C-alpha atoms as a PDB file:
ATOM      1  CA  MET A   1      -8.291  -7.230  -1.465  1.00  0.00           C
ATOM      2  CA  LYS A   2      -5.647  -8.609   0.873  1.00  0.00           C
ATOM      3  CA  VAL A   3      -2.054  -9.425  -0.035  1.00  0.00           C
ATOM      4  CA  CYS A   4       0.617 -11.431   1.735  1.00  0.00           C
ATOM      5  CA  MET A   5       3.754  -9.304   1.898  1.00  0.00           C
ATOM      6  CA  ILE A   6       5.946 -12.408   1.734  1.00  0.00           C
ATOM      7  CA  CYS A   7       4.532 -14.628  -1.038  1.00  0.00           C
ATOM      8  CA  GLU A   8       2.475 -11.801  -2.671  1.00  0.00           C
ATOM      9  CA  ASN A   9      -0.630 -13.952  -3.115  1.00  0.00           C
ATOM     10  CA  GLU A  10      -3.953 -12.114  -3.226  1.00  0.00           C
ATOM     11  CA  TYR A  11      -7.087 -12.976  -1.250  1.00  0.00           C
ATOM     12  CA  TYR A  12     -10.627 -11.703  -1.571  1.00  0.00           C
ATOM     13  CA  ASP A  13     -12.289 -13.306   1.431  1.00  0.00           C
ATOM     14  CA  GLU A  14     -12.093 -12.704   5.164  1.00  0.00           C
ATOM     15  CA  VAL A  15      -8.737 -14.447   5.644  1.00  0.00           C
ATOM     16  CA  LYS A  16      -6.461 -12.672   8.122  1.00  0.00           C
ATOM     17  CA  TYR A  17      -3.298 -14.768   7.701  1.00  0.00           C
ATOM     18  CA  CYS A  18      -1.689 -16.247   4.593  1.00  0.00           C
ATOM     19  CA  PRO A  19      -2.896 -19.841   4.202  1.00  0.00           C
ATOM     20  CA  ILE A  20      -0.025 -20.918   1.914  1.00  0.00           C
ATOM     21  CA  ARG A  21       1.908 -23.755   3.532  1.00  0.00           C
ATOM     22  CA  ASN A  22       5.384 -22.600   2.460  1.00  0.00           C
ATOM     23  CA  CYS A  23       4.757 -18.976   3.354  1.00  0.00           C
ATOM     24  CA  GLY A  24       4.274 -19.544   7.057  1.00  0.00           C
ATOM     25  CA  GLY A  25       0.980 -17.822   7.813  1.00  0.00           C
ATOM     26  CA  TRP A  26       2.000 -14.164   7.859  1.00  0.00           C
ATOM     27  CA  GLU A  27      -0.539 -11.416   8.415  1.00  0.00           C
ATOM     28  CA  LEU A  28      -2.202 -10.060   5.267  1.00  0.00           C
ATOM     29  CA  ILE A  29      -2.229  -6.378   4.262  1.00  0.00           C
ATOM     30  CA  ASP A  30      -5.399  -4.665   2.982  1.00  0.00           C
ATOM     31  CA  ILE A  31      -4.902  -2.864  -0.312  1.00  0.00           C
ATOM     32  CA  ASP A  32      -7.224  -1.199  -2.744  1.00  0.00           C
ATOM     33  CA  GLU A  33      -7.617  -3.267  -5.932  1.00  0.00           C
ATOM     34  CA  ASN A  34      -7.277  -0.155  -8.103  1.00  0.00           C
ATOM     35  CA  MET A  35      -3.844   0.460  -6.607  1.00  0.00           C
ATOM     36  CA  ASN A  36      -2.496  -3.064  -6.975  1.00  0.00           C
ATOM     37  CA  PHE A  37       0.238  -2.130  -9.471  1.00  0.00           C
ATOM     38  CA  VAL A  38       1.239   0.992  -7.546  1.00  0.00           C
ATOM     39  CA  PHE A  39       1.365  -1.033  -4.320  1.00  0.00           C
ATOM     40  CA  ARG A  40       3.522  -3.783  -5.832  1.00  0.00           C
ATOM     41  CA  ILE A  41       5.976  -1.401  -7.525  1.00  0.00           C
ATOM     42  CA  LEU A  42       6.437   0.678  -4.374  1.00  0.00           C
ATOM     43  CA  ASN A  43       7.110  -2.423  -2.282  1.00  0.00           C
ATOM     44  CA  GLU A  44       9.524  -3.852  -4.849  1.00  0.00           C
ATOM     45  CA  LYS A  45      11.461  -0.584  -4.718  1.00  0.00           C
ATOM     46  CA  GLY A  46      11.678  -0.642  -0.923  1.00  0.00           C
ATOM     47  CA  PHE A  47       8.869   1.830  -0.136  1.00  0.00           C
ATOM     48  CA  TYR A  48       6.882  -0.591   2.006  1.00  0.00           C
ATOM     49  CA  THR A  49       3.223   0.354   2.126  1.00  0.00           C
ATOM     50  CA  LYS A  50       0.878  -0.150   5.051  1.00  0.00           C
ATOM     51  CA  SER A  51      -2.407   0.812   3.401  1.00  0.00           C
ATOM     52  CA  CYS A  52      -3.877   2.662   0.460  1.00  0.00           C
ATOM     53  CA  CYS A  53      -7.172   3.872  -0.981  1.00  0.00           C
ATOM     54  CA  SER A  54      -8.039   4.992  -4.503  1.00  0.00           C
ATOM     55  CA  SER A  55     -11.273   6.743  -3.568  1.00  0.00           C
ATOM     56  CA  HIS A  56     -14.675   5.131  -3.998  1.00  0.00           C
ATOM     57  CA  LEU A  57     -17.800   6.747  -5.372  1.00  0.00           C
ATOM     58  CA  TYR A  58     -20.072   4.268  -3.634  1.00  0.00           C
ATOM     59  CA  TYR A  59     -18.620   5.237  -0.221  1.00  0.00           C
ATOM     60  CA  ASN A  60     -18.426   8.923  -1.147  1.00  0.00           C
ATOM     61  CA  LYS A  61     -14.679   8.859  -0.390  1.00  0.00           C
ATOM     62  CA  ARG A  62     -13.030  11.833  -2.035  1.00  0.00           C
ATOM     63  CA  HIS A  63      -9.330  11.198  -1.573  1.00  0.00           C
ATOM     64  CA  ILE A  64      -6.526   8.928  -2.684  1.00  0.00           C
ATOM     65  CA  TYR A  65      -3.793   8.024  -0.220  1.00  0.00           C
ATOM     66  CA  ILE A  66      -0.880   5.721   0.489  1.00  0.00           C
ATOM     67  CA  VAL A  67       0.460   5.143   4.000  1.00  0.00           C
ATOM     68  CA  PHE A  68       4.008   3.812   4.298  1.00  0.00           C
ATOM     69  CA  TYR A  69       5.600   1.781   7.090  1.00  0.00           C
ATOM     70  CA  LYS A  70       8.376   4.355   7.515  1.00  0.00           C
ATOM     71  CA  GLU A  71       9.018   8.045   7.182  1.00  0.00           C
ATOM     72  CA  HIS A  72       9.928   8.982   3.600  1.00  0.00           C
ATOM     73  CA  TYR A  73      10.601  12.351   2.022  1.00  0.00           C
ATOM     74  CA  PHE A  74      10.115  12.499  -1.719  1.00  0.00           C
ATOM     75  CA  GLU A  75      11.764  15.165  -3.852  1.00  0.00           C
ATOM     76  CA  GLU A  76       8.745  15.156  -6.120  1.00  0.00           C
ATOM     77  CA  LEU A  77       5.169  13.949  -5.651  1.00  0.00           C
ATOM     78  CA  PRO A  78       2.506  13.130  -8.220  1.00  0.00           C
ATOM     79  CA  LYS A  79       0.480  16.108  -9.448  1.00  0.00           C
ATOM     80  CA  GLY A  80      -1.814  17.452  -6.733  1.00  0.00           C
ATOM     81  CA  PHE A  81      -0.476  15.192  -3.952  1.00  0.00           C
ATOM     82  CA  SER A  82       0.617  16.322  -0.503  1.00  0.00           C
ATOM     83  CA  HIS A  83       2.883  14.689   2.071  1.00  0.00           C
ATOM     84  CA  GLY A  84       2.054  14.247   5.732  1.00  0.00           C
ATOM     85  CA  LEU A  85       3.246  12.369   8.785  1.00  0.00           C
ATOM     86  CA  LEU A  86       1.162  10.055  10.924  1.00  0.00           C
ATOM     87  CA  ASP A  87       1.880   8.523  14.303  1.00  0.00           C
ATOM     88  CA  ILE A  88       1.005   4.824  14.239  1.00  0.00           C
ATOM     89  CA  ASP A  89       1.715   2.989  17.482  1.00  0.00           C
ATOM     90  CA  GLY A  90       4.437   5.502  18.374  1.00  0.00           C
ATOM     91  CA  ILE A  91       6.167   5.303  14.984  1.00  0.00           C
ATOM     92  CA  GLN A  92       6.245   8.260  12.595  1.00  0.00           C
ATOM     93  CA  VAL A  93       5.211   7.158   9.109  1.00  0.00           C
ATOM     94  CA  SER A  94       4.628   9.002   5.847  1.00  0.00           C
ATOM     95  CA  LYS A  95       1.385   9.439   3.998  1.00  0.00           C
ATOM     96  CA  ILE A  96       0.926  10.881   0.526  1.00  0.00           C
ATOM     97  CA  TYR A  97      -2.574  11.926  -0.443  1.00  0.00           C
ATOM     98  CA  LYS A  98      -4.748  13.899  -2.798  1.00  0.00           C
ATOM     99  CA  ASP A  99      -8.183  15.259  -1.947  1.00  0.00           C
ATOM    100  CA  PHE A 100     -10.864  15.871  -4.564  1.00  0.00           C
ATOM    101  CA  ASP A 101     -13.288  18.783  -4.596  1.00  0.00           C
ATOM    102  CA  GLU A 102     -15.396  17.763  -7.608  1.00  0.00           C
ATOM    103  CA  LEU A 103     -19.101  17.968  -6.919  1.00  0.00           C
ATOM    104  CA  THR A 104     -20.472  15.494  -9.452  1.00  0.00           C
ATOM    105  CA  LYS A 105     -19.751  11.777  -9.461  1.00  0.00           C
ATOM    106  CA  ASP A 106     -18.825  11.851 -13.165  1.00  0.00           C
ATOM    107  CA  LYS A 107     -16.143  14.501 -12.648  1.00  0.00           C
ATOM    108  CA  LEU A 108     -14.890  12.750  -9.542  1.00  0.00           C
ATOM    109  CA  GLN A 109     -14.542   9.424 -11.376  1.00  0.00           C
ATOM    110  CA  ILE A 110     -12.602  11.039 -14.218  1.00  0.00           C
ATOM    111  CA  SER A 111     -10.292  12.745 -11.699  1.00  0.00           C
ATOM    112  CA  ILE A 112      -9.728   9.452  -9.885  1.00  0.00           C
ATOM    113  CA  TRP A 113      -8.715   7.679 -13.112  1.00  0.00           C
ATOM    114  CA  LYS A 114      -6.370  10.489 -14.162  1.00  0.00           C
ATOM    115  CA  THR A 115      -4.824  10.596 -10.697  1.00  0.00           C
ATOM    116  CA  LEU A 116      -4.254   6.841 -10.661  1.00  0.00           C
ATOM    117  CA  ILE A 117      -2.415   7.134 -13.989  1.00  0.00           C
ATOM    118  CA  ASP A 118      -0.280   9.997 -12.615  1.00  0.00           C
ATOM    119  CA  LEU A 119       0.426   7.973  -9.469  1.00  0.00           C
ATOM    120  CA  LEU A 120       1.473   4.909 -11.468  1.00  0.00           C
ATOM    121  CA  ARG A 121       3.806   7.012 -13.658  1.00  0.00           C
ATOM    122  CA  TRP A 122       5.362   8.580 -10.561  1.00  0.00           C
ATOM    123  CA  THR A 123       5.821   5.172  -8.951  1.00  0.00           C
ATOM    124  CA  VAL A 124       7.563   3.760 -12.017  1.00  0.00           C
ATOM    125  CA  LYS A 125       9.999   6.739 -12.086  1.00  0.00           C
ATOM    126  CA  LEU A 126      10.964   6.462  -8.395  1.00  0.00           C
ATOM    127  CA  GLU A 127      14.497   5.258  -7.772  1.00  0.00           C
ATOM    128  CA  PRO A 128      14.534   2.133  -5.587  1.00  0.00           C
ATOM    129  CA  ILE A 129      15.788   2.428  -2.047  1.00  0.00           C
ATOM    130  CA  SER A 130      15.957  -1.357  -1.797  1.00  0.00           C
ATOM    131  CA  ASN A 131      14.954  -4.264  -3.958  1.00  0.00           C
ATOM    132  CA  ASP A 132      16.714  -7.011  -2.070  1.00  0.00           C
ATOM    133  CA  VAL A 133      14.311  -9.748  -0.986  1.00  0.00           C
ATOM    134  CA  GLU A 134      16.262 -10.338   2.219  1.00  0.00           C
ATOM    135  CA  ASP A 135      16.011  -6.636   3.157  1.00  0.00           C
ATOM    136  CA  TYR A 136      12.296  -6.906   2.486  1.00  0.00           C
ATOM    137  CA  LYS A 137      11.825  -9.893   4.793  1.00  0.00           C
ATOM    138  CA  GLU A 138      14.093  -8.438   7.483  1.00  0.00           C
ATOM    139  CA  PHE A 139      12.070  -5.222   7.460  1.00  0.00           C
ATOM    140  CA  PHE A 140       8.796  -7.017   8.148  1.00  0.00           C
ATOM    141  CA  PHE A 141      10.067  -9.713  10.478  1.00  0.00           C
ATOM    142  CA  ASP A 142      12.553  -7.858  12.652  1.00  0.00           C
ATOM    143  CA  ARG A 143      11.753  -4.167  12.583  1.00  0.00           C
ATOM    144  CA  LEU A 144       7.959  -4.331  12.560  1.00  0.00           C
ATOM    145  CA  ASN A 145       7.505  -7.512  14.569  1.00  0.00           C
ATOM    146  CA  PHE A 146       5.257  -8.620  11.746  1.00  0.00           C
ATOM    147  CA  THR A 147       2.552 -10.896  13.073  1.00  0.00           C
ATOM    148  CA  LYS A 148       2.835 -14.566  12.305  1.00  0.00           C
ATOM    149  CA  GLY A 149      -0.553 -16.203  12.573  1.00  0.00           C
ATOM    150  CA  GLU A 150      -1.691 -19.719  13.007  1.00  0.00           C
ATOM    151  CA  ASN A 151      -1.357 -21.444   9.657  1.00  0.00           C
ATOM    152  CA  THR A 152      -3.860 -24.283   9.530  1.00  0.00           C
ATOM    153  CA  ASN A 153      -2.451 -25.602   6.232  1.00  0.00           C
ATOM    154  CA  SER A 154       1.041 -26.347   7.546  1.00  0.00           C
ATOM    155  CA  LYS A 155       0.159 -29.515   9.444  1.00  0.00           C
END
């Protein structure tokens, strides 16, 4: 699923830029559908997320992660999660993640569901660092040079 960080509309096809006329054609962000609520809450609280994955049995992915647009240090993480730093285009950003060691798909699926619940609870408890819409837009437009695409609907 893709989401526009400005108008928050969701898209399920191969669209790269937001087609909404009033939005302006901003680049869409890939998010995992299972983490939609977590993603939205984190962004509303000022923890802007770049990408996330909730683990997928059909791809044999055995980890859950969230990558942020900035470096964040959390006093507490959800149960079993670790914190790491990544270098993306010369910028240090934070990643929180949990790896799974379960051998069977049934046990892995149960662990994924429980972890998603823990992650959602943690997200809800986080104190906001910003919830001002203007801060939100400034962050993406000015600091990240967020890509504005060609909006074919704005003619």
